[in-house]
């Protein structure tokens, strides 16, 4: 029993380390977007309606504009989630979850492997974006916390579970 537990633990550690070592290739998720398509200061903006703090970036584009996977990974969820409306959730390298929300259409399915640039949906205004300009809400969450990113203030401790997508968006433009 001890030997099995030890082997399971070693396997788990190896899988975690390998996930962190997989290189992350990255691109803008909205076709044709540039730095003018999103607000540089919207990540972790407070106050932000019912969600209190804006934990992502809104990339504005015409409704129906293609949304592509920003990185390769496993699609772990497609469907409808309250405020996000139609969403796609991709588990990518470095144990990061890429959350694409307010989609008009979804062009992938749960359990599918997507590569960087594969079509996953289109820009829309579903969920709490209804009646607002069409956009993609894009958030990156990490399964491996970064405790040094925690802050004081509303939701400040949660910041350790998020990655600022603005840095990646800017690097890709």
N, C-alpha and C. Protein backbone atom coordinates (compact mmCIF):
# COMPACT_ATOMS: atom_id res chain seq x y z
N UNK A 1 0.83 -1.20 0.00
CA UNK A 1 0.00 0.00 0.00
C UNK A 1 0.87 1.26 0.00
N UNK A 2 1.91 1.29 0.85
CA UNK A 2 2.81 2.45 0.89
C UNK A 2 3.51 2.65 -0.44
N UNK A 3 3.90 1.52 -1.04
CA UNK A 3 4.61 1.60 -2.32
C UNK A 3 3.69 2.18 -3.41
N UNK A 4 2.45 1.75 -3.44
CA UNK A 4 1.49 2.27 -4.42
C UNK A 4 1.26 3.77 -4.21
N UNK A 5 1.14 4.16 -2.97
CA UNK A 5 0.93 5.57 -2.65
C UNK A 5 2.14 6.41 -3.09
N UNK A 6 3.33 5.90 -2.81
CA UNK A 6 4.55 6.60 -3.22
C UNK A 6 4.63 6.71 -4.74
N UNK A 7 4.32 5.61 -5.45
CA UNK A 7 4.34 5.63 -6.92
C UNK A 7 3.31 6.62 -7.48
N UNK A 8 2.15 6.67 -6.86
CA UNK A 8 1.11 7.61 -7.28
C UNK A 8 1.57 9.04 -7.08
N UNK A 9 2.20 9.30 -5.94
CA UNK A 9 2.71 10.64 -5.64
C UNK A 9 3.80 11.05 -6.62
N UNK A 10 4.73 10.15 -6.91
CA UNK A 10 5.81 10.43 -7.86
C UNK A 10 5.21 10.71 -9.24
N UNK A 11 4.24 9.90 -9.67
CA UNK A 11 3.60 10.10 -10.96
C UNK A 11 2.91 11.46 -11.02
N UNK A 12 2.22 11.82 -9.96
CA UNK A 12 1.54 13.11 -9.89
C UNK A 12 2.53 14.27 -10.00
N UNK A 13 3.64 14.19 -9.30
CA UNK A 13 4.66 15.24 -9.36
C UNK A 13 5.25 15.33 -10.76
N UNK A 14 5.53 14.21 -11.39
CA UNK A 14 6.09 14.20 -12.74
C UNK A 14 5.11 14.84 -13.72
N UNK A 15 3.82 14.48 -13.63
CA UNK A 15 2.81 15.06 -14.51
C UNK A 15 2.71 16.57 -14.30
N UNK A 16 2.71 17.02 -13.05
CA UNK A 16 2.64 18.46 -12.75
C UNK A 16 3.85 19.19 -13.35
N UNK A 17 5.03 18.65 -13.16
CA UNK A 17 6.24 19.30 -13.67
C UNK A 17 6.23 19.33 -15.20
N UNK A 18 5.84 18.22 -15.83
CA UNK A 18 5.77 18.19 -17.29
C UNK A 18 4.79 19.24 -17.82
N UNK A 19 3.65 19.39 -17.15
CA UNK A 19 2.67 20.41 -17.55
C UNK A 19 3.24 21.81 -17.47
N UNK A 20 4.10 22.05 -16.50
CA UNK A 20 4.72 23.37 -16.36
C UNK A 20 5.82 23.60 -17.38
N UNK A 21 6.41 22.53 -17.90
CA UNK A 21 7.53 22.65 -18.84
C UNK A 21 7.09 22.73 -20.30
N UNK A 22 5.84 22.38 -20.59
CA UNK A 22 5.36 22.43 -21.97
C UNK A 22 5.40 23.89 -22.43
N UNK A 23 6.08 24.16 -23.53
CA UNK A 23 6.15 25.55 -24.00
C UNK A 23 4.77 26.05 -24.41
N UNK A 24 4.53 27.33 -24.14
CA UNK A 24 3.24 27.94 -24.46
C UNK A 24 3.40 28.87 -25.64
N UNK A 25 2.93 28.42 -26.80
CA UNK A 25 2.85 29.31 -27.96
C UNK A 25 1.54 30.05 -27.82
N UNK A 26 1.51 31.30 -28.23
CA UNK A 26 0.34 32.12 -27.92
C UNK A 26 0.04 33.08 -29.05
N UNK A 27 -1.26 33.34 -29.27
CA UNK A 27 -1.67 34.33 -30.27
C UNK A 27 -2.93 35.04 -29.78
N UNK A 28 -3.24 36.16 -30.42
CA UNK A 28 -4.47 36.89 -30.11
C UNK A 28 -5.67 36.00 -30.41
N UNK A 29 -6.64 35.94 -29.50
CA UNK A 29 -7.78 35.06 -29.73
C UNK A 29 -8.84 35.60 -30.70
N UNK A 30 -8.89 36.91 -30.93
CA UNK A 30 -9.91 37.48 -31.82
C UNK A 30 -9.24 37.87 -33.14
N UNK A 31 -9.76 37.30 -34.21
CA UNK A 31 -9.20 37.56 -35.54
C UNK A 31 -9.25 39.06 -35.85
N UNK A 32 -8.11 39.61 -36.27
CA UNK A 32 -8.03 41.02 -36.66
C UNK A 32 -7.88 42.00 -35.51
N UNK A 33 -7.82 41.52 -34.27
CA UNK A 33 -7.71 42.42 -33.11
C UNK A 33 -6.31 43.03 -33.04
N UNK A 34 -6.24 44.22 -32.44
CA UNK A 34 -4.97 44.86 -32.15
C UNK A 34 -5.10 45.58 -30.81
N UNK A 35 -4.10 46.35 -30.44
CA UNK A 35 -4.10 47.01 -29.12
C UNK A 35 -5.26 47.98 -28.92
N UNK A 36 -5.82 48.49 -29.99
CA UNK A 36 -6.98 49.39 -29.87
C UNK A 36 -8.27 48.62 -29.59
N UNK A 37 -8.24 47.29 -29.68
CA UNK A 37 -9.43 46.47 -29.51
C UNK A 37 -9.77 46.19 -28.04
N UNK A 38 -8.86 46.52 -27.12
CA UNK A 38 -9.07 46.25 -25.70
C UNK A 38 -8.45 47.35 -24.85
N UNK A 39 -8.97 47.50 -23.65
CA UNK A 39 -8.49 48.52 -22.71
C UNK A 39 -7.30 47.95 -21.92
N UNK A 40 -6.18 48.62 -21.98
CA UNK A 40 -4.95 48.18 -21.30
C UNK A 40 -5.11 48.10 -19.77
N UNK A 41 -6.10 48.82 -19.24
CA UNK A 41 -6.25 48.89 -17.78
C UNK A 41 -7.44 48.09 -17.24
N UNK A 42 -8.09 47.30 -18.08
CA UNK A 42 -9.32 46.64 -17.62
C UNK A 42 -9.07 45.39 -16.78
N UNK A 43 -7.88 44.78 -16.89
CA UNK A 43 -7.59 43.60 -16.06
C UNK A 43 -7.52 44.02 -14.58
N UNK A 44 -8.22 43.30 -13.77
CA UNK A 44 -8.32 43.49 -12.32
C UNK A 44 -8.87 44.88 -11.98
N UNK A 45 -9.76 45.37 -12.81
CA UNK A 45 -10.38 46.67 -12.57
C UNK A 45 -11.47 46.53 -11.51
N UNK A 46 -11.51 47.48 -10.58
CA UNK A 46 -12.49 47.50 -9.51
C UNK A 46 -13.07 48.91 -9.42
N UNK A 47 -14.35 49.10 -9.23
CA UNK A 47 -15.44 48.10 -9.15
C UNK A 47 -15.94 47.71 -10.54
N UNK A 48 -16.46 46.50 -10.65
CA UNK A 48 -16.91 45.98 -11.93
C UNK A 48 -18.20 45.18 -11.74
N UNK A 49 -19.31 45.84 -11.57
CA UNK A 49 -20.63 45.21 -11.51
C UNK A 49 -20.74 44.06 -10.53
N UNK A 50 -21.54 43.06 -10.90
CA UNK A 50 -21.81 41.92 -10.01
C UNK A 50 -20.58 41.07 -9.75
N UNK A 51 -19.63 41.07 -10.66
CA UNK A 51 -18.42 40.27 -10.44
C UNK A 51 -17.41 41.00 -9.57
N UNK A 52 -17.69 42.20 -9.14
CA UNK A 52 -16.88 43.03 -8.23
C UNK A 52 -15.57 43.49 -8.88
N UNK A 53 -14.77 42.55 -9.33
CA UNK A 53 -13.47 42.85 -9.95
C UNK A 53 -13.43 42.21 -11.34
N UNK A 54 -12.98 42.94 -12.34
CA UNK A 54 -12.87 42.42 -13.70
C UNK A 54 -11.59 41.62 -13.81
N UNK A 55 -11.71 40.31 -13.91
CA UNK A 55 -10.56 39.42 -13.85
C UNK A 55 -10.03 39.02 -15.23
N UNK A 56 -10.39 39.78 -16.24
CA UNK A 56 -9.93 39.48 -17.58
C UNK A 56 -9.86 40.73 -18.43
N UNK A 57 -9.86 40.52 -19.74
CA UNK A 57 -9.80 41.61 -20.70
C UNK A 57 -10.92 41.41 -21.71
N UNK A 58 -11.62 42.49 -22.04
CA UNK A 58 -12.66 42.46 -23.05
C UNK A 58 -12.06 42.92 -24.38
N UNK A 59 -12.14 42.06 -25.39
CA UNK A 59 -11.61 42.37 -26.71
C UNK A 59 -12.82 42.63 -27.62
N UNK A 60 -12.98 43.87 -28.04
CA UNK A 60 -14.15 44.28 -28.81
C UNK A 60 -13.94 44.01 -30.30
N UNK A 61 -15.00 43.51 -30.92
CA UNK A 61 -15.00 43.22 -32.35
C UNK A 61 -16.45 43.09 -32.80
N UNK A 62 -16.66 43.10 -34.09
CA UNK A 62 -17.99 42.94 -34.66
C UNK A 62 -18.54 41.56 -34.30
N UNK A 63 -19.82 41.48 -33.97
CA UNK A 63 -20.46 40.19 -33.68
C UNK A 63 -20.22 39.23 -34.83
N UNK A 64 -19.86 38.01 -34.51
CA UNK A 64 -19.59 37.00 -35.53
C UNK A 64 -18.15 36.89 -35.95
N UNK A 65 -17.29 37.81 -35.46
CA UNK A 65 -15.85 37.73 -35.77
C UNK A 65 -15.29 36.43 -35.19
N UNK A 66 -14.47 35.70 -35.95
CA UNK A 66 -13.93 34.44 -35.45
C UNK A 66 -13.09 34.61 -34.18
N UNK A 67 -13.29 33.66 -33.24
CA UNK A 67 -12.48 33.55 -32.03
C UNK A 67 -11.68 32.26 -32.17
N UNK A 68 -10.36 32.37 -32.03
CA UNK A 68 -9.47 31.23 -32.15
C UNK A 68 -8.82 30.94 -30.81
N UNK A 69 -8.45 29.68 -30.61
CA UNK A 69 -7.77 29.33 -29.37
C UNK A 69 -6.46 30.09 -29.29
N UNK A 70 -6.22 30.74 -28.16
CA UNK A 70 -4.99 31.52 -27.98
C UNK A 70 -3.77 30.62 -27.84
N UNK A 71 -3.98 29.38 -27.42
CA UNK A 71 -2.90 28.43 -27.22
C UNK A 71 -3.44 27.02 -27.42
N UNK A 72 -2.57 26.06 -27.56
CA UNK A 72 -3.02 24.68 -27.68
C UNK A 72 -3.48 24.15 -26.33
N UNK A 73 -4.38 23.17 -26.37
CA UNK A 73 -4.82 22.56 -25.13
C UNK A 73 -6.05 21.71 -25.30
N UNK A 74 -6.56 21.25 -24.17
CA UNK A 74 -7.73 20.39 -24.11
C UNK A 74 -8.96 21.23 -23.78
N UNK A 75 -10.00 21.15 -24.59
CA UNK A 75 -11.24 21.84 -24.29
C UNK A 75 -11.92 21.07 -23.16
N UNK A 76 -11.99 21.69 -21.98
CA UNK A 76 -12.56 21.01 -20.81
C UNK A 76 -14.01 21.37 -20.57
N UNK A 77 -14.51 22.43 -21.24
CA UNK A 77 -15.92 22.79 -21.09
C UNK A 77 -16.36 23.66 -22.26
N UNK A 78 -17.55 23.36 -22.76
CA UNK A 78 -18.25 24.24 -23.69
C UNK A 78 -19.70 24.27 -23.23
N UNK A 79 -20.30 25.44 -23.27
CA UNK A 79 -21.69 25.53 -22.85
C UNK A 79 -22.04 26.92 -22.38
N UNK A 80 -23.06 26.99 -21.54
CA UNK A 80 -23.55 28.28 -21.04
C UNK A 80 -23.26 28.39 -19.55
N UNK A 81 -22.71 29.52 -19.13
CA UNK A 81 -22.43 29.81 -17.73
C UNK A 81 -22.95 31.21 -17.43
N UNK A 82 -23.94 31.34 -16.59
CA UNK A 82 -24.52 32.60 -16.14
C UNK A 82 -24.01 33.86 -16.78
N UNK A 83 -23.15 34.59 -16.09
CA UNK A 83 -22.65 35.88 -16.57
C UNK A 83 -21.83 35.77 -17.84
N UNK A 84 -21.17 34.65 -18.05
CA UNK A 84 -20.32 34.48 -19.23
C UNK A 84 -21.08 34.17 -20.50
N UNK A 85 -22.34 33.73 -20.36
CA UNK A 85 -23.10 33.32 -21.54
C UNK A 85 -22.50 32.07 -22.14
N UNK A 86 -22.39 32.05 -23.46
CA UNK A 86 -21.77 30.91 -24.13
C UNK A 86 -20.26 31.00 -23.93
N UNK A 87 -19.66 29.92 -23.38
CA UNK A 87 -18.24 29.95 -23.05
C UNK A 87 -17.52 28.69 -23.53
N UNK A 88 -16.21 28.84 -23.68
CA UNK A 88 -15.30 27.74 -23.94
C UNK A 88 -14.17 27.86 -22.93
N UNK A 89 -13.78 26.73 -22.34
CA UNK A 89 -12.69 26.69 -21.36
C UNK A 89 -11.65 25.70 -21.86
N UNK A 90 -10.41 26.19 -22.07
CA UNK A 90 -9.32 25.36 -22.61
C UNK A 90 -8.22 25.24 -21.56
N UNK A 91 -7.83 24.00 -21.24
CA UNK A 91 -6.70 23.76 -20.35
C UNK A 91 -5.45 23.69 -21.20
N UNK A 92 -4.56 24.68 -21.03
CA UNK A 92 -3.35 24.76 -21.85
C UNK A 92 -2.08 24.48 -21.06
N UNK A 93 -0.93 24.73 -21.68
CA UNK A 93 0.36 24.53 -21.02
C UNK A 93 0.45 25.35 -19.73
N UNK A 94 1.33 24.93 -18.86
CA UNK A 94 1.59 25.59 -17.57
C UNK A 94 0.37 25.52 -16.65
N UNK A 95 -0.54 24.56 -16.93
CA UNK A 95 -1.73 24.34 -16.13
C UNK A 95 -2.59 25.60 -16.05
N UNK A 96 -2.71 26.25 -17.20
CA UNK A 96 -3.52 27.47 -17.27
C UNK A 96 -4.84 27.18 -17.97
N UNK A 97 -5.92 27.73 -17.41
CA UNK A 97 -7.25 27.62 -18.00
C UNK A 97 -7.55 28.92 -18.75
N UNK A 98 -7.85 28.81 -20.02
CA UNK A 98 -8.17 29.96 -20.85
C UNK A 98 -9.68 30.00 -21.02
N UNK A 99 -10.29 31.08 -20.55
CA UNK A 99 -11.75 31.24 -20.49
C UNK A 99 -12.18 32.25 -21.54
N UNK A 100 -12.99 31.78 -22.50
CA UNK A 100 -13.49 32.61 -23.59
C UNK A 100 -14.99 32.76 -23.37
N UNK A 101 -15.49 33.98 -23.13
CA UNK A 101 -16.90 34.17 -22.76
C UNK A 101 -17.62 35.15 -23.68
N UNK A 102 -18.93 35.14 -23.60
CA UNK A 102 -19.87 35.99 -24.36
C UNK A 102 -19.91 35.60 -25.83
N UNK A 103 -19.58 34.35 -26.14
CA UNK A 103 -19.54 33.91 -27.53
C UNK A 103 -20.94 33.89 -28.15
N UNK A 104 -21.00 34.22 -29.42
CA UNK A 104 -22.25 34.13 -30.18
C UNK A 104 -22.48 32.66 -30.56
N UNK A 105 -21.43 32.03 -31.06
CA UNK A 105 -21.47 30.62 -31.47
C UNK A 105 -20.25 29.90 -30.90
N UNK A 106 -20.39 28.61 -30.66
CA UNK A 106 -19.28 27.75 -30.22
C UNK A 106 -18.99 26.77 -31.34
N UNK A 107 -17.71 26.69 -31.74
CA UNK A 107 -17.31 25.82 -32.85
C UNK A 107 -16.38 24.70 -32.41
N UNK A 108 -16.45 24.28 -31.17
CA UNK A 108 -15.65 23.17 -30.67
C UNK A 108 -16.50 22.41 -29.67
N UNK A 109 -15.96 21.35 -29.10
CA UNK A 109 -16.72 20.59 -28.11
C UNK A 109 -15.80 20.10 -26.99
N UNK A 110 -16.41 19.82 -25.87
CA UNK A 110 -15.67 19.32 -24.70
C UNK A 110 -14.94 18.04 -25.07
N UNK A 111 -13.69 17.92 -24.62
CA UNK A 111 -12.88 16.74 -24.89
C UNK A 111 -12.04 16.84 -26.14
N UNK A 112 -12.21 17.91 -26.91
CA UNK A 112 -11.46 18.12 -28.14
C UNK A 112 -10.10 18.73 -27.83
N UNK A 113 -9.09 18.31 -28.58
CA UNK A 113 -7.77 18.95 -28.48
C UNK A 113 -7.73 20.06 -29.53
N UNK A 114 -7.38 21.28 -29.11
CA UNK A 114 -7.24 22.39 -30.05
C UNK A 114 -5.80 22.85 -30.09
N UNK A 115 -5.39 23.28 -31.26
CA UNK A 115 -4.06 23.87 -31.42
C UNK A 115 -4.21 25.38 -31.41
N UNK A 116 -3.11 26.06 -31.17
CA UNK A 116 -3.10 27.52 -31.24
C UNK A 116 -3.64 27.94 -32.61
N UNK A 117 -4.65 28.82 -32.59
CA UNK A 117 -5.23 29.33 -33.83
C UNK A 117 -6.45 28.58 -34.33
N UNK A 118 -6.78 27.44 -33.72
CA UNK A 118 -7.98 26.71 -34.15
C UNK A 118 -9.24 27.49 -33.79
N UNK A 119 -10.22 27.47 -34.68
CA UNK A 119 -11.49 28.16 -34.44
C UNK A 119 -12.23 27.50 -33.28
N UNK A 120 -12.68 28.32 -32.31
CA UNK A 120 -13.46 27.78 -31.19
C UNK A 120 -14.83 28.45 -31.07
N UNK A 121 -15.03 29.57 -31.77
CA UNK A 121 -16.32 30.25 -31.70
C UNK A 121 -16.29 31.58 -32.41
N UNK A 122 -17.31 32.41 -32.07
CA UNK A 122 -17.38 33.76 -32.65
C UNK A 122 -17.72 34.76 -31.56
N UNK A 123 -17.31 36.00 -31.77
CA UNK A 123 -17.57 37.09 -30.82
C UNK A 123 -19.07 37.33 -30.73
N UNK A 124 -19.55 37.56 -29.51
CA UNK A 124 -20.97 37.80 -29.31
C UNK A 124 -21.26 38.72 -28.15
N UNK A 125 -22.49 38.60 -27.63
CA UNK A 125 -22.91 39.44 -26.50
C UNK A 125 -23.81 38.64 -25.55
N UNK A 126 -23.48 37.36 -25.34
CA UNK A 126 -24.30 36.51 -24.48
C UNK A 126 -23.96 36.74 -23.00
N UNK A 127 -24.78 36.20 -22.14
CA UNK A 127 -24.58 36.37 -20.70
C UNK A 127 -24.84 37.80 -20.29
N UNK A 128 -24.03 38.32 -19.37
CA UNK A 128 -24.25 39.70 -18.89
C UNK A 128 -23.75 40.74 -19.90
N UNK A 129 -23.34 40.33 -21.08
CA UNK A 129 -22.95 41.28 -22.13
C UNK A 129 -24.14 41.61 -23.04
N UNK A 130 -25.28 40.99 -22.79
CA UNK A 130 -26.46 41.26 -23.61
C UNK A 130 -26.79 42.75 -23.59
N UNK A 131 -27.01 43.30 -24.78
CA UNK A 131 -27.33 44.71 -24.90
C UNK A 131 -26.11 45.61 -24.90
N UNK A 132 -24.93 45.06 -24.78
CA UNK A 132 -23.68 45.83 -24.81
C UNK A 132 -22.97 45.53 -26.13
N UNK A 133 -21.96 46.32 -26.48
CA UNK A 133 -21.22 46.03 -27.72
C UNK A 133 -20.62 44.62 -27.68
N UNK A 134 -20.65 43.95 -28.82
CA UNK A 134 -20.11 42.58 -28.91
C UNK A 134 -18.63 42.58 -28.54
N UNK A 135 -18.23 41.58 -27.76
CA UNK A 135 -16.83 41.44 -27.37
C UNK A 135 -16.56 40.03 -26.86
N UNK A 136 -15.30 39.69 -26.79
CA UNK A 136 -14.85 38.46 -26.16
C UNK A 136 -14.29 38.82 -24.80
N UNK A 137 -14.80 38.20 -23.74
CA UNK A 137 -14.17 38.35 -22.43
C UNK A 137 -13.17 37.21 -22.34
N UNK A 138 -11.90 37.55 -22.13
CA UNK A 138 -10.82 36.56 -22.10
C UNK A 138 -10.11 36.63 -20.76
N UNK A 139 -10.10 35.49 -20.06
CA UNK A 139 -9.44 35.38 -18.76
C UNK A 139 -8.50 34.20 -18.78
N UNK A 140 -7.36 34.33 -18.08
CA UNK A 140 -6.45 33.20 -17.91
C UNK A 140 -6.35 32.92 -16.41
N UNK A 141 -6.71 31.70 -16.01
CA UNK A 141 -6.60 31.27 -14.62
C UNK A 141 -5.50 30.22 -14.54
N UNK A 142 -4.85 30.14 -13.39
CA UNK A 142 -3.81 29.14 -13.21
C UNK A 142 -4.20 28.15 -12.13
N UNK A 143 -3.92 26.87 -12.37
CA UNK A 143 -4.18 25.84 -11.36
C UNK A 143 -3.05 25.78 -10.34
N UNK A 144 -1.94 26.40 -10.69
CA UNK A 144 -0.79 26.47 -9.78
C UNK A 144 -0.74 27.92 -9.27
N UNK A 145 -1.08 28.13 -8.00
CA UNK A 145 -1.18 29.52 -7.50
C UNK A 145 0.16 30.25 -7.50
N UNK A 146 0.06 31.57 -7.66
CA UNK A 146 1.21 32.46 -7.57
C UNK A 146 0.99 33.36 -6.35
N UNK A 147 1.32 32.90 -5.14
CA UNK A 147 0.99 33.65 -3.92
C UNK A 147 1.59 35.06 -3.86
N UNK A 148 2.68 35.30 -4.56
CA UNK A 148 3.30 36.63 -4.56
C UNK A 148 2.44 37.67 -5.28
N UNK A 149 1.42 37.22 -6.01
CA UNK A 149 0.54 38.16 -6.71
C UNK A 149 -0.66 38.60 -5.88
N UNK A 150 -0.87 37.99 -4.73
CA UNK A 150 -2.00 38.36 -3.87
C UNK A 150 -1.84 39.81 -3.41
N UNK A 151 -2.96 40.50 -3.27
CA UNK A 151 -2.96 41.91 -2.89
C UNK A 151 -4.02 42.15 -1.82
N UNK A 152 -4.00 43.33 -1.26
CA UNK A 152 -5.06 43.77 -0.36
C UNK A 152 -6.24 44.25 -1.20
N UNK A 153 -7.39 44.38 -0.60
CA UNK A 153 -8.54 44.93 -1.30
C UNK A 153 -9.49 43.86 -1.79
N UNK A 154 -10.58 44.29 -2.43
CA UNK A 154 -11.59 43.35 -2.91
C UNK A 154 -11.00 42.30 -3.85
N UNK A 155 -11.21 41.06 -3.51
CA UNK A 155 -10.75 39.92 -4.30
C UNK A 155 -9.23 39.86 -4.45
N UNK A 156 -8.49 40.66 -3.70
CA UNK A 156 -7.04 40.71 -3.84
C UNK A 156 -6.34 39.38 -3.66
N UNK A 157 -6.84 38.56 -2.73
CA UNK A 157 -6.22 37.24 -2.51
C UNK A 157 -6.44 36.32 -3.70
N UNK A 158 -7.50 36.55 -4.46
CA UNK A 158 -7.79 35.70 -5.62
C UNK A 158 -6.82 35.94 -6.78
N UNK A 159 -6.14 37.06 -6.72
CA UNK A 159 -5.24 37.42 -7.82
C UNK A 159 -4.16 36.36 -8.06
N UNK A 160 -3.83 35.59 -7.03
CA UNK A 160 -2.80 34.56 -7.18
C UNK A 160 -3.24 33.44 -8.12
N UNK A 161 -4.52 33.37 -8.45
CA UNK A 161 -5.07 32.33 -9.32
C UNK A 161 -5.27 32.82 -10.75
N UNK A 162 -4.80 34.03 -11.06
CA UNK A 162 -5.03 34.61 -12.39
C UNK A 162 -3.72 35.11 -13.00
N UNK A 163 -3.71 35.14 -14.33
CA UNK A 163 -2.58 35.66 -15.10
C UNK A 163 -3.12 36.86 -15.89
N UNK A 164 -2.37 37.95 -15.91
CA UNK A 164 -2.79 39.14 -16.63
C UNK A 164 -2.70 38.88 -18.14
N UNK A 165 -3.84 38.75 -18.83
CA UNK A 165 -3.78 38.48 -20.26
C UNK A 165 -3.30 39.67 -21.08
N UNK A 166 -3.33 40.87 -20.50
CA UNK A 166 -2.88 42.06 -21.23
C UNK A 166 -1.42 41.91 -21.66
N UNK A 167 -0.59 41.32 -20.80
CA UNK A 167 0.82 41.14 -21.14
C UNK A 167 0.98 40.25 -22.37
N UNK A 168 0.20 39.17 -22.44
CA UNK A 168 0.27 38.27 -23.59
C UNK A 168 -0.35 38.90 -24.83
N UNK A 169 -1.46 39.63 -24.64
CA UNK A 169 -2.09 40.31 -25.77
C UNK A 169 -1.12 41.31 -26.39
N UNK A 170 -0.47 42.10 -25.54
CA UNK A 170 0.48 43.10 -26.03
C UNK A 170 1.67 42.46 -26.74
N UNK A 171 2.15 41.35 -26.21
CA UNK A 171 3.29 40.67 -26.84
C UNK A 171 2.92 40.10 -28.20
N UNK A 172 1.64 39.77 -28.39
CA UNK A 172 1.20 39.17 -29.65
C UNK A 172 0.86 40.21 -30.72
N UNK A 173 0.75 41.50 -30.32
CA UNK A 173 0.38 42.52 -31.32
C UNK A 173 1.61 43.20 -31.87
